Amino acid sequence: TCKREEFAPNARIISVNTKKVSFGFELDICADASNFIEGILSR
């Protein structure tokens, strides 16, 4: 992503990953992508 300040500077970044990682984004979600997408689609 290069520098965080330059990568999508006006965006709220939501990261969905099966590993617990924290990059200081607005939302770091530890979940399987297919389960996450199914949950969003149901809503």
All heavy atoms as atom14 arrays in JSON, in Angstrom:
{
  "sequence": "TCKREEFAPNARIISVNTKKVSFGFELDICADASNFIEGILSR",
  "atom14_mask": [
    [1, 1, 1, 1, 1, 1, 1, 0, 0, 0, 0, 0, 0, 0],
    [1, 1, 1, 1, 1, 1, 0, 0, 0, 0, 0, 0, 0, 0],
    [1, 1, 1, 1, 1, 1, 1, 1, 1, 0, 0, 0, 0, 0],
    [1, 1, 1, 1, 1, 1, 1, 1, 1, 1, 1, 0, 0, 0],
    [1, 1, 1, 1, 1, 1, 1, 1, 1, 0, 0, 0, 0, 0],
    [1, 1, 1, 1, 1, 1, 1, 1, 1, 0, 0, 0, 0, 0],
    [1, 1, 1, 1, 1, 1, 1, 1, 1, 1, 1, 0, 0, 0],
    [1, 1, 1, 1, 1, 0, 0, 0, 0, 0, 0, 0, 0, 0],
    [1, 1, 1, 1, 1, 1, 1, 0, 0, 0, 0, 0, 0, 0],
    [1, 1, 1, 1, 1, 1, 1, 1, 0, 0, 0, 0, 0, 0],
    [1, 1, 1, 1, 1, 0, 0, 0, 0, 0, 0, 0, 0, 0],
    [1, 1, 1, 1, 1, 1, 1, 1, 1, 1, 1, 0, 0, 0],
    [1, 1, 1, 1, 1, 1, 1, 1, 0, 0, 0, 0, 0, 0],
    [1, 1, 1, 1, 1, 1, 1, 1, 0, 0, 0, 0, 0, 0],
    [1, 1, 1, 1, 1, 1, 0, 0, 0, 0, 0, 0, 0, 0],
    [1, 1, 1, 1, 1, 1, 1, 0, 0, 0, 0, 0, 0, 0],
    [1, 1, 1, 1, 1, 1, 1, 1, 0, 0, 0, 0, 0, 0],
    [1, 1, 1, 1, 1, 1, 1, 0, 0, 0, 0, 0, 0, 0],
    [1, 1, 1, 1, 1, 1, 1, 1, 1, 0, 0, 0, 0, 0],
    [1, 1, 1, 1, 1, 1, 1, 1, 1, 0, 0, 0, 0, 0],
    [1, 1, 1, 1, 1, 1, 1, 0, 0, 0, 0, 0, 0, 0],
    [1, 1, 1, 1, 1, 1, 0, 0, 0, 0, 0, 0, 0, 0],
    [1, 1, 1, 1, 1, 1, 1, 1, 1, 1, 1, 0, 0, 0],
    [1, 1, 1, 1, 0, 0, 0, 0, 0, 0, 0, 0, 0, 0],
    [1, 1, 1, 1, 1, 1, 1, 1, 1, 1, 1, 0, 0, 0],
    [1, 1, 1, 1, 1, 1, 1, 1, 1, 0, 0, 0, 0, 0],
    [1, 1, 1, 1, 1, 1, 1, 1, 0, 0, 0, 0, 0, 0],
    [1, 1, 1, 1, 1, 1, 1, 1, 0, 0, 0, 0, 0, 0],
    [1, 1, 1, 1, 1, 1, 1, 1, 0, 0, 0, 0, 0, 0],
    [1, 1, 1, 1, 1, 1, 0, 0, 0, 0, 0, 0, 0, 0],
    [1, 1, 1, 1, 1, 0, 0, 0, 0, 0, 0, 0, 0, 0],
    [1, 1, 1, 1, 1, 1, 1, 1, 0, 0, 0, 0, 0, 0],
    [1, 1, 1, 1, 1, 0, 0, 0, 0, 0, 0, 0, 0, 0],
    [1, 1, 1, 1, 1, 1, 0, 0, 0, 0, 0, 0, 0, 0],
    [1, 1, 1, 1, 1, 1, 1, 1, 0, 0, 0, 0, 0, 0],
    [1, 1, 1, 1, 1, 1, 1, 1, 1, 1, 1, 0, 0, 0],
    [1, 1, 1, 1, 1, 1, 1, 1, 0, 0, 0, 0, 0, 0],
    [1, 1, 1, 1, 1, 1, 1, 1, 1, 0, 0, 0, 0, 0],
    [1, 1, 1, 1, 0, 0, 0, 0, 0, 0, 0, 0, 0, 0],
    [1, 1, 1, 1, 1, 1, 1, 1, 0, 0, 0, 0, 0, 0],
    [1, 1, 1, 1, 1, 1, 1, 1, 0, 0, 0, 0, 0, 0],
    [1, 1, 1, 1, 1, 1, 0, 0, 0, 0, 0, 0, 0, 0],
    [1, 1, 1, 1, 1, 1, 1, 1, 1, 1, 1, 0, 0, 0]
  ],
  "atom14_positions": [
    [[0.81, -1.23, 0.0], [0.0, 0.0, 0.0], [0.83, 1.27, 0.0], [0.28, 2.36, -0.05], [-0.91, 0.06, 1.23], [-0.1, 0.06, 2.4], [-1.88, -1.09, 1.26], [0.0, 0.0, 0.0], [0.0, 0.0, 0.0], [0.0, 0.0, 0.0], [0.0, 0.0, 0.0], [0.0, 0.0, 0.0], [0.0, 0.0, 0.0], [0.0, 0.0, 0.0]],
    [[2.14, 1.11, 0.05], [3.04, 2.27, 0.21], [2.74, 2.92, 1.55], [2.53, 2.23, 2.52], [2.88, 3.24, -0.94], [3.27, 2.5, -2.53], [0.0, 0.0, 0.0], [0.0, 0.0, 0.0], [0.0, 0.0, 0.0], [0.0, 0.0, 0.0], [0.0, 0.0, 0.0], [0.0, 0.0, 0.0], [0.0, 0.0, 0.0], [0.0, 0.0, 0.0]],
    [[2.66, 4.2, 1.59], [2.39, 4.88, 2.86], [0.89, 4.93, 3.11], [0.12, 5.29, 2.23], [2.96, 6.3, 2.83], [4.45, 6.35, 2.74], [4.94, 7.78, 2.69], [6.45, 7.82, 2.55], [6.93, 9.19, 2.42], [0.0, 0.0, 0.0], [0.0, 0.0, 0.0], [0.0, 0.0, 0.0], [0.0, 0.0, 0.0], [0.0, 0.0, 0.0]],
    [[0.46, 4.59, 4.3], [-0.97, 4.58, 4.65], [-1.6, 5.94, 4.39], [-2.73, 6.03, 3.94], [-1.14, 4.18, 6.12], [-2.52, 4.4, 6.72], [-3.57, 3.52, 6.04], [-4.87, 3.71, 6.65], [-5.87, 4.37, 6.09], [-5.74, 4.94, 4.93], [-7.03, 4.48, 6.72], [0.0, 0.0, 0.0], [0.0, 0.0, 0.0], [0.0, 0.0, 0.0]],
    [[-0.88, 7.01, 4.64], [-1.42, 8.36, 4.46], [-1.72, 8.65, 2.99], [-2.54, 9.49, 2.68], [-0.45, 9.42, 4.98], [-0.03, 9.24, 6.43], [1.08, 8.21, 6.6], [2.0, 8.11, 5.77], [1.0, 7.46, 7.59], [0.0, 0.0, 0.0], [0.0, 0.0, 0.0], [0.0, 0.0, 0.0], [0.0, 0.0, 0.0], [0.0, 0.0, 0.0]],
    [[-1.02, 7.94, 2.09], [-1.21, 8.18, 0.66], [-2.13, 7.16, 0.0], [-2.64, 7.4, -1.09], [0.16, 8.17, -0.04], [1.05, 9.3, 0.42], [2.45, 9.21, -0.18], [2.69, 8.38, -1.07], [3.31, 9.99, 0.27], [0.0, 0.0, 0.0], [0.0, 0.0, 0.0], [0.0, 0.0, 0.0], [0.0, 0.0, 0.0], [0.0, 0.0, 0.0]],
    [[-2.33, 6.02, 0.63], [-3.17, 4.96, 0.07], [-4.61, 5.19, 0.52], [-4.93, 5.09, 1.68], [-2.69, 3.59, 0.55], [-3.56, 2.46, 0.1], [-3.47, 1.98, -1.19], [-4.47, 1.88, 0.97], [-4.27, 0.94, -1.62], [-5.28, 0.84, 0.56], [-5.18, 0.37, -0.74], [0.0, 0.0, 0.0], [0.0, 0.0, 0.0], [0.0, 0.0, 0.0]],
    [[-5.48, 5.51, -0.42], [-6.89, 5.76, -0.12], [-7.04, 6.67, 1.09], [-7.64, 6.3, 2.1], [-7.63, 4.45, 0.09], [0.0, 0.0, 0.0], [0.0, 0.0, 0.0], [0.0, 0.0, 0.0], [0.0, 0.0, 0.0], [0.0, 0.0, 0.0], [0.0, 0.0, 0.0], [0.0, 0.0, 0.0], [0.0, 0.0, 0.0], [0.0, 0.0, 0.0]],
    [[-6.5, 7.88, 1.02], [-6.46, 8.76, 2.2], [-7.83, 9.17, 2.73], [-7.96, 9.46, 3.91], [-5.67, 9.98, 1.7], [-5.87, 9.99, 0.23], [-5.95, 8.54, -0.17], [0.0, 0.0, 0.0], [0.0, 0.0, 0.0], [0.0, 0.0, 0.0], [0.0, 0.0, 0.0], [0.0, 0.0, 0.0], [0.0, 0.0, 0.0], [0.0, 0.0, 0.0]],
    [[-8.84, 9.18, 1.88], [-10.18, 9.6, 2.32], [-11.11, 8.43, 2.58], [-12.28, 8.63, 2.86], [-10.79, 10.54, 1.28], [-9.94, 11.78, 1.08], [-9.48, 12.36, 2.05], [-9.73, 12.16, -0.15], [0.0, 0.0, 0.0], [0.0, 0.0, 0.0], [0.0, 0.0, 0.0], [0.0, 0.0, 0.0], [0.0, 0.0, 0.0], [0.0, 0.0, 0.0]],
    [[-10.59, 7.21, 2.47], [-11.44, 6.03, 2.61], [-11.42, 5.47, 4.02], [-10.43, 5.57, 4.73], [-10.98, 4.95, 1.63], [0.0, 0.0, 0.0], [0.0, 0.0, 0.0], [0.0, 0.0, 0.0], [0.0, 0.0, 0.0], [0.0, 0.0, 0.0], [0.0, 0.0, 0.0], [0.0, 0.0, 0.0], [0.0, 0.0, 0.0], [0.0, 0.0, 0.0]],
    [[-12.52, 4.9, 4.38], [-12.58, 4.08, 5.6], [-12.27, 2.66, 5.13], [-12.97, 2.12, 4.29], [-13.95, 4.17, 6.23], [-14.27, 5.58, 6.68], [-15.43, 5.56, 7.64], [-15.72, 6.89, 8.08], [-15.33, 7.39, 9.24], [-14.64, 6.66, 10.07], [-15.65, 8.62, 9.58], [0.0, 0.0, 0.0], [0.0, 0.0, 0.0], [0.0, 0.0, 0.0]],
    [[-11.21, 2.09, 5.67], [-10.76, 0.78, 5.21], [-11.24, -0.3, 6.16], [-11.04, -0.22, 7.37], [-9.23, 0.74, 5.07], [-8.79, 1.77, 4.02], [-8.76, -0.66, 4.69], [-7.31, 1.87, 3.83], [0.0, 0.0, 0.0], [0.0, 0.0, 0.0], [0.0, 0.0, 0.0], [0.0, 0.0, 0.0], [0.0, 0.0, 0.0], [0.0, 0.0, 0.0]],
    [[-11.9, -1.3, 5.57], [-12.39, -2.45, 6.31], [-11.63, -3.67, 5.8], [-11.68, -3.98, 4.62], [-13.91, -2.64, 6.12], [-14.66, -1.4, 6.58], [-14.38, -3.9, 6.83], [-16.12, -1.39, 6.21], [0.0, 0.0, 0.0], [0.0, 0.0, 0.0], [0.0, 0.0, 0.0], [0.0, 0.0, 0.0], [0.0, 0.0, 0.0], [0.0, 0.0, 0.0]],
    [[-10.92, -4.34, 6.69], [-10.12, -5.49, 6.32], [-10.76, -6.75, 6.89], [-11.03, -6.84, 8.09], [-8.7, -5.34, 6.87], [-7.95, -6.51, 6.66], [0.0, 0.0, 0.0], [0.0, 0.0, 0.0], [0.0, 0.0, 0.0], [0.0, 0.0, 0.0], [0.0, 0.0, 0.0], [0.0, 0.0, 0.0], [0.0, 0.0, 0.0], [0.0, 0.0, 0.0]],
    [[-11.02, -7.73, 6.01], [-11.57, -9.03, 6.42], [-10.51, -10.07, 6.12], [-10.1, -10.24, 4.97], [-12.88, -9.36, 5.67], [-13.41, -10.71, 6.11], [-13.91, -8.27, 5.87], [0.0, 0.0, 0.0], [0.0, 0.0, 0.0], [0.0, 0.0, 0.0], [0.0, 0.0, 0.0], [0.0, 0.0, 0.0], [0.0, 0.0, 0.0], [0.0, 0.0, 0.0]],
    [[-10.04, -10.75, 7.17], [-8.94, -11.69, 7.02], [-9.13, -12.84, 7.99], [-9.65, -12.64, 9.08], [-7.61, -10.97, 7.31], [-6.43, -11.67, 6.69], [-6.36, -12.89, 6.66], [-5.48, -10.89, 6.2], [0.0, 0.0, 0.0], [0.0, 0.0, 0.0], [0.0, 0.0, 0.0], [0.0, 0.0, 0.0], [0.0, 0.0, 0.0], [0.0, 0.0, 0.0]],
    [[-8.71, -14.04, 7.6], [-8.85, -15.19, 8.5], [-7.82, -15.17, 9.62], [-7.99, -15.85, 10.61], [-8.72, -16.52, 7.72], [-7.47, -16.52, 7.04], [-9.86, -16.71, 6.76], [0.0, 0.0, 0.0], [0.0, 0.0, 0.0], [0.0, 0.0, 0.0], [0.0, 0.0, 0.0], [0.0, 0.0, 0.0], [0.0, 0.0, 0.0], [0.0, 0.0, 0.0]],
    [[-6.77, -14.4, 9.45], [-5.75, -14.26, 10.49], [-6.03, -12.98, 11.28], [-6.49, -11.99, 10.73], [-4.36, -14.16, 9.89], [-3.92, -15.39, 9.13], [-2.53, -15.2, 8.58], [-2.62, -14.33, 7.34], [-1.34, -14.12, 6.67], [0.0, 0.0, 0.0], [0.0, 0.0, 0.0], [0.0, 0.0, 0.0], [0.0, 0.0, 0.0], [0.0, 0.0, 0.0]],
    [[-5.76, -13.01, 12.56], [-5.93, -11.81, 13.38], [-4.75, -10.89, 13.1], [-3.63, -11.15, 13.51], [-6.0, -12.17, 14.86], [-6.24, -10.98, 15.76], [-7.58, -10.33, 15.48], [-7.78, -9.14, 16.39], [-8.8, -8.25, 15.91], [0.0, 0.0, 0.0], [0.0, 0.0, 0.0], [0.0, 0.0, 0.0], [0.0, 0.0, 0.0], [0.0, 0.0, 0.0]],
    [[-5.05, -9.86, 12.35], [-4.02, -8.86, 12.04], [-4.62, -7.49, 12.34], [-5.82, -7.29, 12.24], [-3.57, -8.92, 10.56], [-2.8, -10.19, 10.29], [-4.75, -8.8, 9.62], [0.0, 0.0, 0.0], [0.0, 0.0, 0.0], [0.0, 0.0, 0.0], [0.0, 0.0, 0.0], [0.0, 0.0, 0.0], [0.0, 0.0, 0.0], [0.0, 0.0, 0.0]],
    [[-3.79, -6.58, 12.7], [-4.27, -5.24, 12.98], [-3.34, -4.23, 12.33], [-2.15, -4.18, 12.66], [-4.35, -4.99, 14.48], [-4.83, -3.69, 14.71], [0.0, 0.0, 0.0], [0.0, 0.0, 0.0], [0.0, 0.0, 0.0], [0.0, 0.0, 0.0], [0.0, 0.0, 0.0], [0.0, 0.0, 0.0], [0.0, 0.0, 0.0], [0.0, 0.0, 0.0]],
    [[-3.89, -3.49, 11.4], [-3.1, -2.49, 10.72], [-3.58, -1.09, 11.05], [-3.21, -0.13, 10.42], [-3.13, -2.71, 9.2], [-2.41, -3.96, 8.79], [-3.11, -5.12, 8.5], [-1.03, -3.98, 8.71], [-2.45, -6.27, 8.12], [-0.36, -5.14, 8.34], [-1.07, -6.28, 8.05], [0.0, 0.0, 0.0], [0.0, 0.0, 0.0], [0.0, 0.0, 0.0]],
    [[-4.46, -1.0, 12.04], [-4.93, 0.31, 12.46], [-5.96, 0.92, 11.52], [-6.12, 2.13, 11.47], [0.0, 0.0, 0.0], [0.0, 0.0, 0.0], [0.0, 0.0, 0.0], [0.0, 0.0, 0.0], [0.0, 0.0, 0.0], [0.0, 0.0, 0.0], [0.0, 0.0, 0.0], [0.0, 0.0, 0.0], [0.0, 0.0, 0.0], [0.0, 0.0, 0.0]],
    [[-6.65, 0.07, 10.76], [-7.69, 0.58, 9.89], [-8.96, 0.79, 10.71], [-9.04, 0.42, 11.87], [-7.94, -0.37, 8.72], [-6.75, -0.5, 7.81], [-6.19, -1.73, 7.56], [-6.19, 0.62, 7.22], [-5.09, -1.84, 6.72], [-5.09, 0.52, 6.39], [-4.54, -0.72, 6.14], [0.0, 0.0, 0.0], [0.0, 0.0, 0.0], [0.0, 0.0, 0.0]],
    [[-9.97, 1.34, 10.08], [-11.21, 1.63, 10.8], [-11.83, 0.35, 11.37], [-12.41, 0.36, 12.44], [-12.22, 2.34, 9.88], [-11.92, 3.79, 9.67], [-10.69, 4.06, 8.81], [-10.26, 3.2, 8.03], [-10.13, 5.16, 8.93], [0.0, 0.0, 0.0], [0.0, 0.0, 0.0], [0.0, 0.0, 0.0], [0.0, 0.0, 0.0], [0.0, 0.0, 0.0]],
    [[-11.71, -0.75, 10.62], [-12.31, -1.99, 11.09], [-11.48, -3.17, 10.59], [-11.28, -3.33, 9.38], [-13.74, -2.1, 10.57], [-14.64, -3.17, 11.11], [-14.71, -3.14, 12.64], [-16.04, -3.03, 10.54], [0.0, 0.0, 0.0], [0.0, 0.0, 0.0], [0.0, 0.0, 0.0], [0.0, 0.0, 0.0], [0.0, 0.0, 0.0], [0.0, 0.0, 0.0]],
    [[-10.94, -3.97, 11.51], [-10.22, -5.2, 11.18], [-11.1, -6.35, 11.65], [-11.32, -6.52, 12.85], [-8.87, -5.24, 11.9], [-7.88, -4.23, 11.35], [-7.73, -4.16, 10.12], [-7.25, -3.52, 12.15], [0.0, 0.0, 0.0], [0.0, 0.0, 0.0], [0.0, 0.0, 0.0], [0.0, 0.0, 0.0], [0.0, 0.0, 0.0], [0.0, 0.0, 0.0]],
    [[-11.6, -7.15, 10.7], [-12.51, -8.25, 11.02], [-11.8, -9.57, 10.79], [-11.26, -9.82, 9.71], [-13.78, -8.18, 10.14], [-14.52, -6.87, 10.39], [-14.68, -9.38, 10.4], [-15.65, -6.6, 9.44], [0.0, 0.0, 0.0], [0.0, 0.0, 0.0], [0.0, 0.0, 0.0], [0.0, 0.0, 0.0], [0.0, 0.0, 0.0], [0.0, 0.0, 0.0]],
    [[-11.78, -10.41, 11.82], [-11.2, -11.74, 11.72], [-12.33, -12.71, 11.41], [-13.12, -13.07, 12.29], [-10.49, -12.12, 13.02], [-9.63, -13.69, 12.93], [0.0, 0.0, 0.0], [0.0, 0.0, 0.0], [0.0, 0.0, 0.0], [0.0, 0.0, 0.0], [0.0, 0.0, 0.0], [0.0, 0.0, 0.0], [0.0, 0.0, 0.0], [0.0, 0.0, 0.0]],
    [[-12.44, -13.1, 10.12], [-13.53, -13.98, 9.69], [-13.19, -14.59, 8.34], [-12.37, -14.06, 7.6], [-14.83, -13.2, 9.59], [0.0, 0.0, 0.0], [0.0, 0.0, 0.0], [0.0, 0.0, 0.0], [0.0, 0.0, 0.0], [0.0, 0.0, 0.0], [0.0, 0.0, 0.0], [0.0, 0.0, 0.0], [0.0, 0.0, 0.0], [0.0, 0.0, 0.0]],
    [[-13.86, -15.68, 8.04], [-13.78, -16.27, 6.71], [-14.55, -15.36, 5.75], [-15.68, -14.95, 6.05], [-14.39, -17.67, 6.75], [-14.35, -18.34, 5.4], [-13.27, -18.86, 5.04], [-15.38, -18.31, 4.71], [0.0, 0.0, 0.0], [0.0, 0.0, 0.0], [0.0, 0.0, 0.0], [0.0, 0.0, 0.0], [0.0, 0.0, 0.0], [0.0, 0.0, 0.0]],
    [[-13.99, -15.05, 4.61], [-14.62, -14.11, 3.68], [-16.0, -14.58, 3.23], [-16.94, -13.77, 3.15], [-13.71, -13.89, 2.47], [0.0, 0.0, 0.0], [0.0, 0.0, 0.0], [0.0, 0.0, 0.0], [0.0, 0.0, 0.0], [0.0, 0.0, 0.0], [0.0, 0.0, 0.0], [0.0, 0.0, 0.0], [0.0, 0.0, 0.0], [0.0, 0.0, 0.0]],
    [[-16.16, -15.86, 2.94], [-17.47, -16.33, 2.47], [-18.54, -16.19, 3.56], [-19.67, -15.81, 3.26], [-17.39, -17.78, 1.97], [-17.02, -18.65, 3.02], [0.0, 0.0, 0.0], [0.0, 0.0, 0.0], [0.0, 0.0, 0.0], [0.0, 0.0, 0.0], [0.0, 0.0, 0.0], [0.0, 0.0, 0.0], [0.0, 0.0, 0.0], [0.0, 0.0, 0.0]],
    [[-18.18, -16.46, 4.81], [-19.14, -16.28, 5.9], [-19.49, -14.81, 6.08], [-20.65, -14.45, 6.32], [-18.59, -16.82, 7.22], [-18.45, -18.32, 7.21], [-19.09, -19.02, 6.44], [-17.58, -18.84, 8.06], [0.0, 0.0, 0.0], [0.0, 0.0, 0.0], [0.0, 0.0, 0.0], [0.0, 0.0, 0.0], [0.0, 0.0, 0.0], [0.0, 0.0, 0.0]],
    [[-18.5, -13.94, 5.96], [-18.73, -12.51, 6.08], [-19.67, -12.02, 4.98], [-20.64, -11.31, 5.24], [-17.39, -11.76, 6.01], [-17.53, -10.27, 6.07], [-17.68, -9.63, 7.29], [-17.53, -9.51, 4.91], [-17.82, -8.25, 7.36], [-17.67, -8.14, 4.97], [-17.81, -7.5, 6.19], [0.0, 0.0, 0.0], [0.0, 0.0, 0.0], [0.0, 0.0, 0.0]],
    [[-19.4, -12.43, 3.74], [-20.23, -12.0, 2.61], [-21.65, -12.53, 2.75], [-22.62, -11.8, 2.5], [-19.6, -12.43, 1.27], [-18.3, -11.65, 1.05], [-20.56, -12.22, 0.11], [-17.47, -12.14, -0.1], [0.0, 0.0, 0.0], [0.0, 0.0, 0.0], [0.0, 0.0, 0.0], [0.0, 0.0, 0.0], [0.0, 0.0, 0.0], [0.0, 0.0, 0.0]],
    [[-21.8, -13.78, 3.15], [-23.15, -14.34, 3.37], [-23.91, -13.53, 4.41], [-25.11, -13.27, 4.26], [-23.05, -15.81, 3.78], [-22.7, -16.74, 2.66], [-22.5, -18.17, 3.13], [-22.84, -18.49, 4.29], [-21.99, -18.97, 2.32], [0.0, 0.0, 0.0], [0.0, 0.0, 0.0], [0.0, 0.0, 0.0], [0.0, 0.0, 0.0], [0.0, 0.0, 0.0]],
    [[-23.23, -13.14, 5.49], [-23.88, -12.35, 6.54], [-24.32, -10.99, 6.03], [-25.43, -10.53, 6.33], [0.0, 0.0, 0.0], [0.0, 0.0, 0.0], [0.0, 0.0, 0.0], [0.0, 0.0, 0.0], [0.0, 0.0, 0.0], [0.0, 0.0, 0.0], [0.0, 0.0, 0.0], [0.0, 0.0, 0.0], [0.0, 0.0, 0.0], [0.0, 0.0, 0.0]],
    [[-23.45, -10.34, 5.25], [-23.8, -9.03, 4.69], [-24.97, -9.17, 3.73], [-25.92, -8.38, 3.77], [-22.58, -8.42, 3.96], [-21.48, -8.07, 4.96], [-22.97, -7.21, 3.13], [-21.82, -6.96, 5.93], [0.0, 0.0, 0.0], [0.0, 0.0, 0.0], [0.0, 0.0, 0.0], [0.0, 0.0, 0.0], [0.0, 0.0, 0.0], [0.0, 0.0, 0.0]],
    [[-24.91, -10.17, 2.85], [-25.99, -10.35, 1.87], [-27.33, -10.65, 2.53], [-28.37, -10.18, 2.08], [-25.63, -11.47, 0.88], [-24.52, -11.13, -0.11], [-24.2, -12.35, -0.98], [-24.9, -9.94, -0.97], [0.0, 0.0, 0.0], [0.0, 0.0, 0.0], [0.0, 0.0, 0.0], [0.0, 0.0, 0.0], [0.0, 0.0, 0.0], [0.0, 0.0, 0.0]],
    [[-27.32, -11.39, 3.63], [-28.58, -11.69, 4.31], [-29.21, -10.42, 4.86], [-30.43, -10.28, 4.9], [-28.37, -12.71, 5.43], [-27.66, -12.14, 6.51], [0.0, 0.0, 0.0], [0.0, 0.0, 0.0], [0.0, 0.0, 0.0], [0.0, 0.0, 0.0], [0.0, 0.0, 0.0], [0.0, 0.0, 0.0], [0.0, 0.0, 0.0], [0.0, 0.0, 0.0]],
    [[-28.38, -9.47, 5.27], [-28.92, -8.19, 5.76], [-29.39, -7.31, 4.62], [-30.39, -6.62, 4.73], [-27.88, -7.48, 6.6], [-27.69, -8.12, 7.95], [-26.57, -7.44, 8.73], [-26.52, -7.84, 10.11], [-26.1, -9.0, 10.57], [-25.7, -9.92, 9.73], [-26.06, -9.25, 11.85], [0.0, 0.0, 0.0], [0.0, 0.0, 0.0], [0.0, 0.0, 0.0]]
  ]
}
